[in-house]
PDB file of N, CA and C in Angstrom:
ATOM      1  N   MET A   1      79.517  -9.559  65.661  1.00  0.00           N
ATOM      2  CA  MET A   1      78.877 -10.240  66.775  1.00  0.00           C
ATOM      3  C   MET A   1      79.629 -11.536  67.043  1.00  0.00           C
ATOM      4  N   LYS A   2      79.899 -11.779  68.296  1.00  0.00           N
ATOM      5  CA  LYS A   2      80.644 -12.964  68.691  1.00  0.00           C
ATOM      6  C   LYS A   2      79.763 -14.206  68.592  1.00  0.00           C
ATOM      7  N   GLU A   3      80.323 -15.254  68.026  1.00  0.00           N
ATOM      8  CA  GLU A   3      79.592 -16.516  67.945  1.00  0.00           C
ATOM      9  C   GLU A   3      79.816 -17.297  69.229  1.00  0.00           C
ATOM     10  N   MET A   4      78.728 -17.897  69.724  1.00  0.00           N
ATOM     11  CA  MET A   4      78.808 -18.689  70.947  1.00  0.00           C
ATOM     12  C   MET A   4      78.111 -20.021  70.718  1.00  0.00           C
ATOM     13  N   SER A   5      78.634 -21.038  71.359  1.00  0.00           N
ATOM     14  CA  SER A   5      77.980 -22.338  71.270  1.00  0.00           C
ATOM     15  C   SER A   5      76.873 -22.406  72.314  1.00  0.00           C
ATOM     16  N   LEU A   6      76.001 -23.367  72.152  1.00  0.00           N
ATOM     17  CA  LEU A   6      74.890 -23.518  73.080  1.00  0.00           C
ATOM     18  C   LEU A   6      75.376 -23.808  74.497  1.00  0.00           C
ATOM     19  N   SER A   7      76.452 -24.585  74.629  1.00  0.00           N
ATOM     20  CA  SER A   7      76.974 -24.890  75.970  1.00  0.00           C
ATOM     21  C   SER A   7      77.536 -23.644  76.639  1.00  0.00           C
ATOM     22  N   GLU A   8      78.179 -22.756  75.879  1.00  0.00           N
ATOM     23  CA  GLU A   8      78.675 -21.508  76.452  1.00  0.00           C
ATOM     24  C   GLU A   8      77.520 -20.632  76.952  1.00  0.00           C
ATOM     25  N   ILE A   9      76.464 -20.577  76.174  1.00  0.00           N
ATOM     26  CA  ILE A   9      75.297 -19.787  76.576  1.00  0.00           C
ATOM     27  C   ILE A   9      74.679 -20.365  77.834  1.00  0.00           C
ATOM     28  N   THR A  10      74.541 -21.679  77.887  1.00  0.00           N
ATOM     29  CA  THR A  10      73.962 -22.342  79.057  1.00  0.00           C
ATOM     30  C   THR A  10      74.811 -22.080  80.293  1.00  0.00           C
ATOM     31  N   ASN A  11      76.122 -22.189  80.158  1.00  0.00           N
ATOM     32  CA  ASN A  11      77.012 -21.932  81.299  1.00  0.00           C
ATOM     33  C   ASN A  11      76.894 -20.498  81.772  1.00  0.00           C
ATOM     34  N   ARG A  12      76.823 -19.562  80.859  1.00  0.00           N
ATOM     35  CA  ARG A  12      76.726 -18.151  81.231  1.00  0.00           C
ATOM     36  C   ARG A  12      75.414 -17.876  81.960  1.00  0.00           C
ATOM     37  N   VAL A  13      74.320 -18.451  81.476  1.00  0.00           N
ATOM     38  CA  VAL A  13      73.019 -18.231  82.108  1.00  0.00           C
ATOM     39  C   VAL A  13      72.976 -18.858  83.492  1.00  0.00           C
ATOM     40  N   ASN A  14      73.512 -20.058  83.613  1.00  0.00           N
ATOM     41  CA  ASN A  14      73.490 -20.740  84.904  1.00  0.00           C
ATOM     42  C   ASN A  14      74.435 -20.118  85.913  1.00  0.00           C
ATOM     43  N   SER A  15      75.515 -19.493  85.479  1.00  0.00           N
ATOM     44  CA  SER A  15      76.490 -18.946  86.406  1.00  0.00           C
ATOM     45  C   SER A  15      76.124 -17.549  86.915  1.00  0.00           C
ATOM     46  N   SER A  16      75.229 -16.863  86.264  1.00  0.00           N
ATOM     47  CA  SER A  16      74.916 -15.498  86.688  1.00  0.00           C
ATOM     48  C   SER A  16      73.417 -15.302  86.876  1.00  0.00           C
ATOM     49  N   PRO A  17      72.870 -15.835  87.967  1.00  0.00           N
ATOM     50  CA  PRO A  17      71.420 -15.701  88.165  1.00  0.00           C
ATOM     51  C   PRO A  17      70.992 -14.272  88.486  1.00  0.00           C
ATOM     52  N   LYS A  18      71.894 -13.429  88.994  1.00  0.00           N
ATOM     53  CA  LYS A  18      71.508 -12.064  89.344  1.00  0.00           C
ATOM     54  C   LYS A  18      71.163 -11.254  88.100  1.00  0.00           C
ATOM     55  N   GLN A  19      71.792 -11.554  86.985  1.00  0.00           N
ATOM     56  CA  GLN A  19      71.519 -10.803  85.765  1.00  0.00           C
ATOM     57  C   GLN A  19      70.158 -11.131  85.185  1.00  0.00           C
ATOM     58  N   ARG A  20      69.600 -12.268  85.539  1.00  0.00           N
ATOM     59  CA  ARG A  20      68.318 -12.669  84.987  1.00  0.00           C
ATOM     60  C   ARG A  20      67.142 -12.115  85.766  1.00  0.00           C
ATOM     61  N   GLN A  21      67.404 -11.517  86.911  1.00  0.00           N
ATOM     62  CA  GLN A  21      66.312 -10.963  87.700  1.00  0.00           C
ATOM     63  C   GLN A  21      65.733  -9.753  86.981  1.00  0.00           C
ATOM     64  N   PHE A  22      64.473  -9.558  87.183  1.00  0.00           N
ATOM     65  CA  PHE A  22      63.809  -8.424  86.561  1.00  0.00           C
ATOM     66  C   PHE A  22      64.236  -7.135  87.251  1.00  0.00           C
ATOM     67  N   ALA A  23      64.398  -6.112  86.459  1.00  0.00           N
ATOM     68  CA  ALA A  23      64.745  -4.807  87.008  1.00  0.00           C
ATOM     69  C   ALA A  23      63.532  -4.246  87.741  1.00  0.00           C
ATOM     70  N   PRO A  24      63.751  -3.499  88.804  1.00  0.00           N
ATOM     71  CA  PRO A  24      62.611  -2.904  89.498  1.00  0.00           C
ATOM     72  C   PRO A  24      61.901  -1.907  88.596  1.00  0.00           C
ATOM     73  N   ARG A  25      60.627  -1.774  88.811  1.00  0.00           N
ATOM     74  CA  ARG A  25      59.821  -0.872  87.990  1.00  0.00           C
ATOM     75  C   ARG A  25      60.245   0.560  88.260  1.00  0.00           C
ATOM     76  N   ARG A  26      60.544   1.258  87.205  1.00  0.00           N
ATOM     77  CA  ARG A  26      60.941   2.662  87.356  1.00  0.00           C
ATOM     78  C   ARG A  26      59.690   3.513  87.405  1.00  0.00           C
ATOM     79  N   GLY A  27      59.833   4.652  87.970  1.00  0.00           N
ATOM     80  CA  GLY A  27      58.679   5.530  88.099  1.00  0.00           C
ATOM     81  C   GLY A  27      58.213   5.542  89.535  1.00  0.00           C
ATOM     82  N   GLY A  28      57.246   6.290  89.773  1.00  0.00           N
ATOM     83  CA  GLY A  28      56.798   6.455  91.143  1.00  0.00           C
ATOM     84  C   GLY A  28      55.575   5.640  91.467  1.00  0.00           C
ATOM     85  N   ARG A  29      54.465   6.197  91.190  1.00  0.00           N
ATOM     86  CA  ARG A  29      53.206   5.636  91.648  1.00  0.00           C
ATOM     87  C   ARG A  29      52.518   4.830  90.549  1.00  0.00           C
ATOM     88  N   PRO A  30      51.622   3.938  90.939  1.00  0.00           N
ATOM     89  CA  PRO A  30      50.813   3.262  89.910  1.00  0.00           C
ATOM     90  C   PRO A  30      49.804   4.241  89.315  1.00  0.00           C
ATOM     91  N   ARG A  31      49.353   3.941  88.120  1.00  0.00           N
ATOM     92  CA  ARG A  31      48.421   4.833  87.436  1.00  0.00           C
ATOM     93  C   ARG A  31      47.038   4.770  88.071  1.00  0.00           C
ATOM     94  N   ASP A  32      46.416   5.920  88.143  1.00  0.00           N
ATOM     95  CA  ASP A  32      45.048   6.037  88.600  1.00  0.00           C
ATOM     96  C   ASP A  32      44.139   5.448  87.517  1.00  0.00           C
ATOM     97  N   PRO A  33      43.051   4.761  87.865  1.00  0.00           N
ATOM     98  CA  PRO A  33      42.179   4.176  86.834  1.00  0.00           C
ATOM     99  C   PRO A  33      41.654   5.209  85.830  1.00  0.00           C
ATOM    100  N   VAL A  34      41.341   6.393  86.285  1.00  0.00           N
ATOM    101  CA  VAL A  34      40.848   7.439  85.378  1.00  0.00           C
ATOM    102  C   VAL A  34      41.971   7.877  84.439  1.00  0.00           C
ATOM    103  N   GLU A  35      43.151   8.052  84.997  1.00  0.00           N
ATOM    104  CA  GLU A  35      44.303   8.439  84.184  1.00  0.00           C
ATOM    105  C   GLU A  35      44.608   7.366  83.144  1.00  0.00           C
ATOM    106  N   GLN A  36      44.559   6.105  83.535  1.00  0.00           N
ATOM    107  CA  GLN A  36      44.821   5.010  82.611  1.00  0.00           C
ATOM    108  C   GLN A  36      43.795   4.984  81.482  1.00  0.00           C
ATOM    109  N   ARG A  37      42.525   5.206  81.816  1.00  0.00           N
ATOM    110  CA  ARG A  37      41.479   5.228  80.795  1.00  0.00           C
ATOM    111  C   ARG A  37      41.701   6.372  79.815  1.00  0.00           C
ATOM    112  N   LEU A  38      42.080   7.549  80.328  1.00  0.00           N
ATOM    113  CA  LEU A  38      42.349   8.687  79.455  1.00  0.00           C
ATOM    114  C   LEU A  38      43.538   8.423  78.538  1.00  0.00           C
ATOM    115  N   LEU A  39      44.597   7.831  79.082  1.00  0.00           N
ATOM    116  CA  LEU A  39      45.756   7.513  78.252  1.00  0.00           C
ATOM    117  C   LEU A  39      45.409   6.470  77.185  1.00  0.00           C
ATOM    118  N   ASP A  40      44.560   5.501  77.545  1.00  0.00           N
ATOM    119  CA  ASP A  40      44.106   4.513  76.565  1.00  0.00           C
ATOM    120  C   ASP A  40      43.306   5.181  75.454  1.00  0.00           C
ATOM    121  N   ASP A  41      42.428   6.123  75.826  1.00  0.00           N
ATOM    122  CA  ASP A  41      41.636   6.842  74.822  1.00  0.00           C
ATOM    123  C   ASP A  41      42.527   7.644  73.877  1.00  0.00           C
ATOM    124  N   ILE A  42      43.537   8.311  74.432  1.00  0.00           N
ATOM    125  CA  ILE A  42      44.471   9.067  73.592  1.00  0.00           C
ATOM    126  C   ILE A  42      45.190   8.144  72.632  1.00  0.00           C
ATOM    127  N   SER A  43      45.618   7.003  73.131  1.00  0.00           N
ATOM    128  CA  SER A  43      46.322   6.040  72.283  1.00  0.00           C
ATOM    129  C   SER A  43      45.419   5.515  71.171  1.00  0.00           C
ATOM    130  N   ARG A  44      44.161   5.207  71.503  1.00  0.00           N
ATOM    131  CA  ARG A  44      43.216   4.737  70.484  1.00  0.00           C
ATOM    132  C   ARG A  44      42.973   5.791  69.417  1.00  0.00           C
ATOM    133  N   ARG A  45      42.826   7.048  69.833  1.00  0.00           N
ATOM    134  CA  ARG A  45      42.613   8.132  68.866  1.00  0.00           C
ATOM    135  C   ARG A  45      43.804   8.292  67.938  1.00  0.00           C
ATOM    136  N   ARG A  46      44.999   8.231  68.504  1.00  0.00           N
ATOM    137  CA  ARG A  46      46.203   8.328  67.668  1.00  0.00           C
ATOM    138  C   ARG A  46      46.245   7.191  66.649  1.00  0.00           C
ATOM    139  N   TRP A  47      45.907   5.987  67.097  1.00  0.00           N
ATOM    140  CA  TRP A  47      45.915   4.836  66.199  1.00  0.00           C
ATOM    141  C   TRP A  47      44.884   5.029  65.085  1.00  0.00           C
ATOM    142  N   GLN A  48      43.686   5.441  65.436  1.00  0.00           N
ATOM    143  CA  GLN A  48      42.645   5.643  64.430  1.00  0.00           C
ATOM    144  C   GLN A  48      43.042   6.728  63.434  1.00  0.00           C
ATOM    145  N   GLU A  49      43.654   7.806  63.906  1.00  0.00           N
ATOM    146  CA  GLU A  49      44.119   8.861  63.005  1.00  0.00           C
ATOM    147  C   GLU A  49      45.190   8.335  62.059  1.00  0.00           C
ATOM    148  N   ALA A  50      46.084   7.494  62.567  1.00  0.00           N
ATOM    149  CA  ALA A  50      47.131   6.920  61.718  1.00  0.00           C
ATOM    150  C   ALA A  50      46.531   5.992  60.670  1.00  0.00           C
ATOM    151  N   VAL A  51      45.522   5.219  61.046  1.00  0.00           N
ATOM    152  CA  VAL A  51      44.873   4.308  60.089  1.00  0.00           C
ATOM    153  C   VAL A  51      44.151   5.106  59.011  1.00  0.00           C
ATOM    154  N   THR A  52      43.399   6.134  59.399  1.00  0.00           N
ATOM    155  CA  THR A  52      42.633   6.906  58.417  1.00  0.00           C
ATOM    156  C   THR A  52      43.531   7.750  57.514  1.00  0.00           C
ATOM    157  N   SER A  53      44.691   8.181  58.022  1.00  0.00           N
ATOM    158  CA  SER A  53      45.581   8.997  57.196  1.00  0.00           C
ATOM    159  C   SER A  53      46.502   8.153  56.320  1.00  0.00           C
ATOM    160  N   GLY A  54      46.448   6.822  56.477  1.00  0.00           N
ATOM    161  CA  GLY A  54      47.241   5.940  55.625  1.00  0.00           C
ATOM    162  C   GLY A  54      48.637   5.666  56.134  1.00  0.00           C
ATOM    163  N   LYS A  55      48.907   5.969  57.390  1.00  0.00           N
ATOM    164  CA  LYS A  55      50.232   5.705  57.936  1.00  0.00           C
ATOM    165  C   LYS A  55      50.428   4.249  58.335  1.00  0.00           C
ATOM    166  N   VAL A  56      49.339   3.512  58.463  1.00  0.00           N
ATOM    167  CA  VAL A  56      49.415   2.092  58.805  1.00  0.00           C
ATOM    168  C   VAL A  56      49.170   1.291  57.547  1.00  0.00           C
ATOM    169  N   ILE A  57      50.148   0.468  57.196  1.00  0.00           N
ATOM    170  CA  ILE A  57      50.037  -0.377  56.007  1.00  0.00           C
ATOM    171  C   ILE A  57      50.015  -1.827  56.474  1.00  0.00           C
ATOM    172  N   MET A  58      48.950  -2.545  56.145  1.00  0.00           N
ATOM    173  CA  MET A  58      48.848  -3.948  56.527  1.00  0.00           C
ATOM    174  C   MET A  58      49.395  -4.784  55.379  1.00  0.00           C
ATOM    175  N   ARG A  59      50.613  -5.297  55.563  1.00  0.00           N
ATOM    176  CA  ARG A  59      51.270  -6.089  54.525  1.00  0.00           C
ATOM    177  C   ARG A  59      50.727  -7.508  54.472  1.00  0.00           C
ATOM    178  N   SER A  60      50.422  -8.044  55.623  1.00  0.00           N
ATOM    179  CA  SER A  60      49.812  -9.374  55.734  1.00  0.00           C
ATOM    180  C   SER A  60      49.060  -9.376  57.056  1.00  0.00           C
ATOM    181  N   PRO A  61      48.309 -10.430  57.359  1.00  0.00           N
ATOM    182  CA  PRO A  61      47.564 -10.431  58.627  1.00  0.00           C
ATOM    183  C   PRO A  61      48.453 -10.270  59.866  1.00  0.00           C
ATOM    184  N   ARG A  62      49.722 -10.685  59.782  1.00  0.00           N
ATOM    185  CA  ARG A  62      50.608 -10.594  60.940  1.00  0.00           C
ATOM    186  C   ARG A  62      51.671  -9.519  60.811  1.00  0.00           C
ATOM    187  N   GLU A  63      51.750  -8.870  59.688  1.00  0.00           N
ATOM    188  CA  GLU A  63      52.800  -7.885  59.476  1.00  0.00           C
ATOM    189  C   GLU A  63      52.202  -6.551  59.071  1.00  0.00           C
ATOM    190  N   TRP A  64      52.478  -5.550  59.889  1.00  0.00           N
ATOM    191  CA  TRP A  64      51.991  -4.193  59.620  1.00  0.00           C
ATOM    192  C   TRP A  64      53.178  -3.268  59.567  1.00  0.00           C
ATOM    193  N   TYR A  65      53.017  -2.175  58.843  1.00  0.00           N
ATOM    194  CA  TYR A  65      54.036  -1.117  58.811  1.00  0.00           C
ATOM    195  C   TYR A  65      53.384   0.146  59.310  1.00  0.00           C
ATOM    196  N   TYR A  66      53.986   0.771  60.316  1.00  0.00           N
ATOM    197  CA  TYR A  66      53.433   1.980  60.907  1.00  0.00           C
ATOM    198  C   TYR A  66      54.444   3.101  60.685  1.00  0.00           C
ATOM    199  N   GLU A  67      54.106   3.999  59.787  1.00  0.00           N
ATOM    200  CA  GLU A  67      54.998   5.118  59.467  1.00  0.00           C
ATOM    201  C   GLU A  67      54.868   6.173  60.556  1.00  0.00           C
ATOM    202  N   LEU A  68      55.976   6.512  61.160  1.00  0.00           N
ATOM    203  CA  LEU A  68      55.953   7.504  62.242  1.00  0.00           C
ATOM    204  C   LEU A  68      55.975   8.903  61.715  1.00  0.00           C
TER     205      LEU A  68
END
């Protein structure tokens, strides 16, 4: 990895504002509220299954390990 000084980083950021713009959202349509709720429910169930099966290890209050 190339080492850079803070002034080099600042110059690069200031000289190329187009690169800092957010990329347009990919995909087509926004999610339907019902579809979003169903996807949230699926995600919650997967999380609960992972917790009960022991795939989630809480190492500390801020650090968890999630075995895929």
